[in-house]
């Protein structure tokens, strides 16, 4: 089985005082999370979709599902209690799924509304070949290491990439490496856990539409890209 774990328990603090978490913001009168779900619900990508969400937002989420999706689509959707961190939410979803070792999981963020079905499909295909995969793109700006307001190192950026979700992986391999990793609580994603266990995560090349809506300027970018189609 191929499962999608959709992380939607954020509070949207970096977005400022907007009244609701960013995944529920309406863009062209459509909640942001709906754009994300319309893609992952396309036939042939995932068998089941699990949405991790805070208890206080469940009523709103159910109202959105009722308005924007039909019964046949919702037959593959489950709502799970989210946690205070993205990884807590992810593990709550895993406990609900109870996957087998042969299953594949895709962990993705609700606030990446323009990821294409092609990216999801390519990432899952890559994970089925190599165990774990995520999209990434080369870093464009120069990067530096800073301490106390002072640059102390400027790495060569030729091999530096920014990696994103979706993070797709074989559950059996994840189960094996997770128990072997020390200080697991400090890791924020699946690729980090695989790397900490000595595994080498693979990537597929990302595109401009994989960006995450985090700050107000990201909403401007999203509106422009939606206008372009």
Protein backbone atom coordinates (compact mmCIF):
# COMPACT_ATOMS: atom_id res chain seq x y z
CA UNK A 1 0.00 0.00 0.00
CA UNK A 2 1.06 3.57 -0.68
CA UNK A 3 -0.01 6.01 2.03
CA UNK A 4 0.13 9.80 2.22
CA UNK A 5 0.67 11.47 5.59
CA UNK A 6 -0.47 15.08 5.22
CA UNK A 7 0.87 17.32 7.99
CA UNK A 8 -1.68 20.05 8.74
CA UNK A 9 -1.30 20.77 12.46
CA UNK A 10 0.70 24.01 12.21
CA UNK A 11 -0.53 27.19 13.86
CA UNK A 12 0.89 29.57 11.21
CA UNK A 13 2.87 31.74 13.64
CA UNK A 14 5.30 33.02 10.98
CA UNK A 15 2.39 34.23 8.87
CA UNK A 16 1.45 36.86 11.46
CA UNK A 17 -2.03 37.69 12.81
CA UNK A 18 -4.24 36.19 10.11
CA UNK A 19 -6.95 34.63 12.28
CA UNK A 20 -6.52 31.02 11.11
CA UNK A 21 -3.54 28.71 10.49
CA UNK A 22 -2.12 29.22 7.00
CA UNK A 23 -3.37 25.87 5.70
CA UNK A 24 -6.93 27.24 6.06
CA UNK A 25 -6.31 30.62 4.43
CA UNK A 26 -8.57 31.16 1.45
CA UNK A 27 -6.85 31.84 -1.87
CA UNK A 28 -9.39 32.71 -4.58
CA UNK A 29 -11.99 31.65 -2.00
CA UNK A 30 -10.47 28.15 -1.72
CA UNK A 31 -8.63 27.06 1.47
CA UNK A 32 -4.95 26.45 0.83
CA UNK A 33 -5.14 22.85 2.03
CA UNK A 34 -7.73 22.09 -0.66
CA UNK A 35 -5.20 22.84 -3.42
CA UNK A 36 -2.79 20.39 -1.78
CA UNK A 37 -5.43 17.70 -1.37
CA UNK A 38 -6.79 17.95 -4.90
CA UNK A 39 -3.42 16.72 -6.16
CA UNK A 40 -2.76 13.93 -3.66
CA UNK A 41 -6.32 12.61 -4.14
CA UNK A 42 -5.79 11.99 -7.85
CA UNK A 43 -6.34 8.35 -8.67
CA UNK A 44 -3.30 6.09 -8.82
CA UNK A 45 -0.97 8.03 -6.50
CA UNK A 46 -2.00 7.00 -2.95
CA UNK A 47 -4.25 4.27 -1.58
CA UNK A 48 -5.19 6.27 1.52
CA UNK A 49 -4.59 9.81 2.78
CA UNK A 50 -4.23 10.63 6.49
CA UNK A 51 -4.52 14.27 7.61
CA UNK A 52 -2.84 15.14 10.91
CA UNK A 53 -4.62 18.11 12.47
CA UNK A 54 -5.03 19.70 15.90
CA UNK A 55 -8.21 18.85 17.79
CA UNK A 56 -9.25 22.51 17.84
CA UNK A 57 -9.32 22.63 14.04
CA UNK A 58 -11.14 19.37 13.33
CA UNK A 59 -14.56 20.98 12.95
CA UNK A 60 -13.22 23.47 10.42
CA UNK A 61 -11.41 20.69 8.54
CA UNK A 62 -14.57 18.59 8.32
CA UNK A 63 -16.52 21.58 7.03
CA UNK A 64 -13.90 22.11 4.31
CA UNK A 65 -14.01 18.45 3.31
CA UNK A 66 -17.80 18.54 3.04
CA UNK A 67 -17.79 21.63 0.83
CA UNK A 68 -14.89 20.94 -1.51
CA UNK A 69 -14.81 17.15 -1.93
CA UNK A 70 -17.31 14.50 -2.92
CA UNK A 71 -18.06 11.28 -1.06
CA UNK A 72 -16.01 9.07 -3.38
CA UNK A 73 -12.89 11.18 -2.79
CA UNK A 74 -13.39 11.23 0.98
CA UNK A 75 -13.61 7.44 1.14
CA UNK A 76 -9.80 7.41 1.09
CA UNK A 77 -9.34 10.22 3.64
CA UNK A 78 -8.84 9.83 7.40
CA UNK A 79 -8.37 12.59 9.99
CA UNK A 80 -5.86 11.97 12.78
CA UNK A 81 -5.02 13.97 15.90
CA UNK A 82 -1.99 16.14 15.27
CA UNK A 83 0.80 16.99 17.70
CA UNK A 84 2.60 20.13 18.78
CA UNK A 85 5.43 19.43 16.32
CA UNK A 86 5.38 18.17 12.74
CA UNK A 87 7.12 14.93 13.73
CA UNK A 88 4.66 14.30 16.58
CA UNK A 89 1.89 14.69 14.02
CA UNK A 90 3.66 12.31 11.66
CA UNK A 91 4.08 9.63 14.32
CA UNK A 92 0.42 9.94 15.31
CA UNK A 93 -0.44 9.23 11.69
CA UNK A 94 1.91 6.23 11.58
CA UNK A 95 0.27 4.76 14.69
CA UNK A 96 -3.11 5.07 13.00
CA UNK A 97 -1.96 3.52 9.71
CA UNK A 98 -0.09 0.64 11.34
CA UNK A 99 1.80 0.01 8.07
CA UNK A 100 3.51 -3.23 7.12
CA UNK A 101 7.19 -3.46 6.22
CA UNK A 102 6.36 -3.58 2.51
CA UNK A 103 4.31 -0.36 2.54
CA UNK A 104 5.47 3.05 1.34
CA UNK A 105 4.73 6.33 3.08
CA UNK A 106 4.76 9.85 1.67
CA UNK A 107 5.07 12.59 4.29
CA UNK A 108 4.12 15.99 2.90
CA UNK A 109 3.13 19.47 4.11
CA UNK A 110 -0.35 20.95 3.75
CA UNK A 111 1.15 24.33 2.90
CA UNK A 112 2.84 23.23 -0.34
CA UNK A 113 -0.29 23.65 -2.48
CA UNK A 114 1.24 23.61 -5.97
CA UNK A 115 3.29 20.40 -5.93
CA UNK A 116 2.39 18.51 -9.08
CA UNK A 117 1.18 14.93 -9.26
CA UNK A 118 4.32 14.25 -11.32
CA UNK A 119 6.54 15.21 -8.38
CA UNK A 120 4.63 12.88 -6.06
CA UNK A 121 4.77 10.03 -8.57
CA UNK A 122 8.48 10.49 -9.35
CA UNK A 123 9.33 10.73 -5.65
CA UNK A 124 7.41 7.53 -4.85
CA UNK A 125 9.02 5.71 -7.80
CA UNK A 126 12.46 6.81 -6.61
CA UNK A 127 11.71 5.63 -3.05
CA UNK A 128 10.69 2.23 -4.41
CA UNK A 129 14.08 1.94 -6.08
CA UNK A 130 16.30 3.32 -3.34
CA UNK A 131 14.33 3.21 -0.07
CA UNK A 132 13.93 6.94 0.47
CA UNK A 133 13.57 10.01 -1.75
CA UNK A 134 12.64 13.69 -1.61
CA UNK A 135 12.67 16.64 -4.04
CA UNK A 136 15.53 19.14 -3.90
CA UNK A 137 16.85 22.07 -5.91
CA UNK A 138 20.30 23.69 -6.15
CA UNK A 139 20.93 26.61 -3.80
CA UNK A 140 21.05 29.85 -5.79
CA UNK A 141 22.24 32.42 -3.25
CA UNK A 142 25.60 32.23 -1.55
CA UNK A 143 25.52 30.51 1.84
CA UNK A 144 27.59 31.15 4.94
CA UNK A 145 28.07 29.94 8.50
CA UNK A 146 27.51 32.67 11.10
CA UNK A 147 28.20 32.92 14.81
CA UNK A 148 27.66 36.02 16.95
CA UNK A 149 26.83 38.05 13.86
CA UNK A 150 30.09 37.15 12.10
CA UNK A 151 30.65 34.94 9.04
CA UNK A 152 33.20 32.29 9.88
CA UNK A 153 32.89 30.03 6.85
CA UNK A 154 31.55 30.18 3.28
CA UNK A 155 30.97 26.65 1.96
CA UNK A 156 31.24 25.80 -1.70
CA UNK A 157 27.64 25.90 -2.88
CA UNK A 158 28.18 23.75 -5.97
CA UNK A 159 27.00 20.67 -4.06
CA UNK A 160 24.44 22.42 -1.85
CA UNK A 161 20.73 21.77 -2.42
CA UNK A 162 17.59 22.85 -0.58
CA UNK A 163 15.47 19.76 0.07
CA UNK A 164 11.71 19.73 0.52
CA UNK A 165 8.72 17.51 1.07
CA UNK A 166 7.25 15.18 -0.04
CA UNK A 167 9.58 12.74 1.71
CA UNK A 168 8.77 9.24 0.45
CA UNK A 169 10.16 6.06 1.95
CA UNK A 170 9.76 2.35 2.57
CA UNK A 171 8.27 1.79 6.01
CA UNK A 172 10.32 -1.35 6.65
CA UNK A 173 13.60 0.50 6.14
CA UNK A 174 12.35 3.39 8.27
CA UNK A 175 11.42 1.03 11.11
CA UNK A 176 14.91 -0.47 11.05
CA UNK A 177 16.84 2.81 11.01
CA UNK A 178 14.63 4.62 13.52
CA UNK A 179 15.51 2.32 16.41
CA UNK A 180 19.22 2.74 15.58
CA UNK A 181 19.29 6.55 15.62
CA UNK A 182 20.26 8.29 18.86
CA UNK A 183 18.78 11.64 19.94
CA UNK A 184 15.90 11.13 17.53
CA UNK A 185 13.93 14.06 18.94
CA UNK A 186 16.29 16.61 17.35
CA UNK A 187 15.52 15.52 13.77
CA UNK A 188 12.82 17.35 11.83
CA UNK A 189 12.37 15.07 8.84
CA UNK A 190 12.78 11.63 7.31
CA UNK A 191 15.88 12.38 5.21
CA UNK A 192 17.75 13.48 8.35
CA UNK A 193 16.87 10.25 10.14
CA UNK A 194 17.98 8.11 7.21
CA UNK A 195 21.26 10.03 6.97
CA UNK A 196 21.86 9.76 10.73
CA UNK A 197 21.52 5.96 10.38
CA UNK A 198 24.15 5.84 7.63
CA UNK A 199 21.66 5.59 4.74
CA UNK A 200 21.98 7.90 1.76
CA UNK A 201 18.65 9.44 0.78
CA UNK A 202 18.13 10.02 -2.94
CA UNK A 203 16.61 13.12 -4.52
CA UNK A 204 14.66 14.07 -7.58
CA UNK A 205 15.01 17.57 -8.98
CA UNK A 206 12.33 19.90 -7.66
CA UNK A 207 10.66 22.79 -9.46
CA UNK A 208 9.45 26.30 -8.57
CA UNK A 209 5.98 25.04 -7.69
CA UNK A 210 7.19 22.98 -4.71
CA UNK A 211 7.66 26.04 -2.52
CA UNK A 212 6.14 26.22 0.97
CA UNK A 213 3.71 28.97 1.98
CA UNK A 214 5.21 30.24 5.23
CA UNK A 215 5.26 34.05 5.22
CA UNK A 216 2.96 36.76 3.76
CA UNK A 217 5.14 37.23 0.69
CA UNK A 218 4.65 33.54 -0.16
CA UNK A 219 0.93 34.29 -0.53
CA UNK A 220 1.76 36.92 -3.17
CA UNK A 221 3.87 34.36 -5.03
CA UNK A 222 1.07 31.79 -4.79
CA UNK A 223 -1.51 34.22 -6.20
CA UNK A 224 0.75 35.04 -9.16
CA UNK A 225 1.40 31.37 -9.90
CA UNK A 226 -2.30 30.53 -9.70
CA UNK A 227 -3.02 33.29 -12.21
CA UNK A 228 -0.50 31.75 -14.57
CA UNK A 229 -2.23 28.38 -14.21
